[in-house]
Amino acid sequence: MRKFIKAFARSEDGAITVDWVVLTALVLGVQILLLLTPMRGSLVGVSESIGEKAGEYGEFLGMTQGLASAGSGQETARQSRSRRAG
């Protein structure tokens, strides 16, 4: 086992492999960066649009829930607690 480790340490094959791995990772990183940079504006636009729609639906649901609870005669939890406390 010691002979194998010494031979491996002396061999330059491992160093060449590491060089290729680092070079490949660098090329892939640059390609990903170049791919995502033009798409950044559209991704931001899509996320803003989703946020606006979620806000509109939240406001709509808040209004309909308020109307439903007021129109149905059901008391809210806050009204129930204040009635019990008072």
C-alpha atoms as a PDB file:
ATOM      1  CA  MET A   1       0.000   0.000   0.000  1.00  0.00           C
ATOM      2  CA  ARG A   2       2.858   2.375   0.811  1.00  0.00           C
ATOM      3  CA  LYS A   3       4.485   1.642  -2.535  1.00  0.00           C
ATOM      4  CA  PHE A   4       1.242   2.509  -4.303  1.00  0.00           C
ATOM      5  CA  ILE A   5       0.928   5.825  -2.432  1.00  0.00           C
ATOM      6  CA  LYS A   6       4.547   6.763  -3.150  1.00  0.00           C
ATOM      7  CA  ALA A   7       4.169   5.855  -6.820  1.00  0.00           C
ATOM      8  CA  PHE A   8       0.965   7.867  -7.035  1.00  0.00           C
ATOM      9  CA  ALA A   9       2.625  10.883  -5.400  1.00  0.00           C
ATOM     10  CA  ARG A  10       5.529  10.739  -7.869  1.00  0.00           C
ATOM     11  CA  SER A  11       3.286  10.274 -10.876  1.00  0.00           C
ATOM     12  CA  GLU A  12       2.217  13.389 -12.768  1.00  0.00           C
ATOM     13  CA  ASP A  13      -1.022  11.857 -14.063  1.00  0.00           C
ATOM     14  CA  GLY A  14      -2.970  13.128 -11.080  1.00  0.00           C
ATOM     15  CA  ALA A  15      -1.711  16.682 -11.577  1.00  0.00           C
ATOM     16  CA  ILE A  16      -2.778  16.644 -15.222  1.00  0.00           C
ATOM     17  CA  THR A  17      -6.224  15.409 -14.229  1.00  0.00           C
ATOM     18  CA  VAL A  18      -6.581  18.224 -11.715  1.00  0.00           C
ATOM     19  CA  ASP A  19      -5.557  20.739 -14.390  1.00  0.00           C
ATOM     20  CA  TRP A  20      -8.237  19.445 -16.744  1.00  0.00           C
ATOM     21  CA  VAL A  21     -10.899  19.499 -14.041  1.00  0.00           C
ATOM     22  CA  VAL A  22     -10.076  23.091 -13.120  1.00  0.00           C
ATOM     23  CA  LEU A  23     -10.010  24.166 -16.772  1.00  0.00           C
ATOM     24  CA  THR A  24     -13.357  22.471 -17.474  1.00  0.00           C
ATOM     25  CA  ALA A  25     -14.962  24.071 -14.422  1.00  0.00           C
ATOM     26  CA  LEU A  26     -13.688  27.482 -15.503  1.00  0.00           C
ATOM     27  CA  VAL A  27     -15.084  27.094 -19.025  1.00  0.00           C
ATOM     28  CA  LEU A  28     -18.467  25.917 -17.695  1.00  0.00           C
ATOM     29  CA  GLY A  29     -18.598  28.788 -15.212  1.00  0.00           C
ATOM     30  CA  VAL A  30     -17.955  31.351 -17.941  1.00  0.00           C
ATOM     31  CA  GLN A  31     -20.588  29.768 -20.189  1.00  0.00           C
ATOM     32  CA  ILE A  32     -23.208  29.796 -17.440  1.00  0.00           C
ATOM     33  CA  LEU A  33     -22.405  33.420 -16.647  1.00  0.00           C
ATOM     34  CA  LEU A  34     -22.706  34.406 -20.296  1.00  0.00           C
ATOM     35  CA  LEU A  35     -25.985  32.510 -20.630  1.00  0.00           C
ATOM     36  CA  LEU A  36     -27.665  33.983 -17.555  1.00  0.00           C
ATOM     37  CA  THR A  37     -26.600  37.604 -17.996  1.00  0.00           C
ATOM     38  CA  PRO A  38     -28.966  38.389 -20.918  1.00  0.00           C
ATOM     39  CA  MET A  39     -31.788  36.484 -19.236  1.00  0.00           C
ATOM     40  CA  ARG A  40     -31.487  38.450 -15.996  1.00  0.00           C
ATOM     41  CA  GLY A  41     -33.762  41.279 -17.113  1.00  0.00           C
ATOM     42  CA  SER A  42     -36.533  38.965 -18.210  1.00  0.00           C
ATOM     43  CA  LEU A  43     -36.263  36.888 -15.013  1.00  0.00           C
ATOM     44  CA  VAL A  44     -36.634  40.032 -12.914  1.00  0.00           C
ATOM     45  CA  GLY A  45     -39.624  41.087 -15.014  1.00  0.00           C
ATOM     46  CA  VAL A  46     -41.340  37.742 -14.569  1.00  0.00           C
ATOM     47  CA  SER A  47     -40.808  37.740 -10.800  1.00  0.00           C
ATOM     48  CA  GLU A  48     -42.165  41.286 -10.513  1.00  0.00           C
ATOM     49  CA  SER A  49     -45.228  40.333 -12.547  1.00  0.00           C
ATOM     50  CA  ILE A  50     -45.872  37.325 -10.317  1.00  0.00           C
ATOM     51  CA  GLY A  51     -45.545  39.524  -7.226  1.00  0.00           C
ATOM     52  CA  GLU A  52     -48.027  42.055  -8.587  1.00  0.00           C
ATOM     53  CA  LYS A  53     -50.582  39.355  -9.422  1.00  0.00           C
ATOM     54  CA  ALA A  54     -50.162  37.761  -5.996  1.00  0.00           C
ATOM     55  CA  GLY A  55     -50.784  41.149  -4.389  1.00  0.00           C
ATOM     56  CA  GLU A  56     -53.926  41.678  -6.471  1.00  0.00           C
ATOM     57  CA  TYR A  57     -55.268  38.249  -5.550  1.00  0.00           C
ATOM     58  CA  GLY A  58     -54.395  38.828  -1.898  1.00  0.00           C
ATOM     59  CA  GLU A  59     -56.334  42.090  -1.872  1.00  0.00           C
ATOM     60  CA  PHE A  60     -59.262  40.415  -3.642  1.00  0.00           C
ATOM     61  CA  LEU A  61     -59.309  37.500  -1.218  1.00  0.00           C
ATOM     62  CA  GLY A  62     -59.061  39.844   1.756  1.00  0.00           C
ATOM     63  CA  MET A  63     -62.050  41.826   0.521  1.00  0.00           C
ATOM     64  CA  THR A  64     -64.157  38.756  -0.192  1.00  0.00           C
ATOM     65  CA  GLN A  65     -63.354  37.176   3.162  1.00  0.00           C
ATOM     66  CA  GLY A  66     -64.315  40.372   4.949  1.00  0.00           C
ATOM     67  CA  LEU A  67     -67.604  40.526   3.043  1.00  0.00           C
ATOM     68  CA  ALA A  68     -68.325  36.853   3.632  1.00  0.00           C
ATOM     69  CA  SER A  69     -67.805  37.031   7.372  1.00  0.00           C
ATOM     70  CA  ALA A  70     -69.795  40.256   7.712  1.00  0.00           C
ATOM     71  CA  GLY A  71     -72.630  39.027   5.518  1.00  0.00           C
ATOM     72  CA  SER A  72     -72.974  35.575   7.018  1.00  0.00           C
ATOM     73  CA  GLY A  73     -73.437  36.659  10.605  1.00  0.00           C
ATOM     74  CA  GLN A  74     -70.370  34.752  11.769  1.00  0.00           C
ATOM     75  CA  GLU A  75     -68.283  36.524  14.336  1.00  0.00           C
ATOM     76  CA  THR A  76     -64.542  36.720  13.981  1.00  0.00           C
ATOM     77  CA  ALA A  77     -62.154  35.293  16.566  1.00  0.00           C
ATOM     78  CA  ARG A  78     -61.331  38.808  17.755  1.00  0.00           C
ATOM     79  CA  GLN A  79     -65.012  39.619  18.263  1.00  0.00           C
ATOM     80  CA  SER A  80     -65.511  36.367  20.125  1.00  0.00           C
ATOM     81  CA  ARG A  81     -62.592  37.041  22.467  1.00  0.00           C
ATOM     82  CA  SER A  82     -63.684  40.594  23.182  1.00  0.00           C
ATOM     83  CA  ARG A  83     -67.235  39.436  23.891  1.00  0.00           C
ATOM     84  CA  ARG A  84     -65.979  36.780  26.333  1.00  0.00           C
ATOM     85  CA  ALA A  85     -63.596  39.217  28.038  1.00  0.00           C
ATOM     86  CA  GLY A  86     -66.185  41.964  28.404  1.00  0.00           C
END
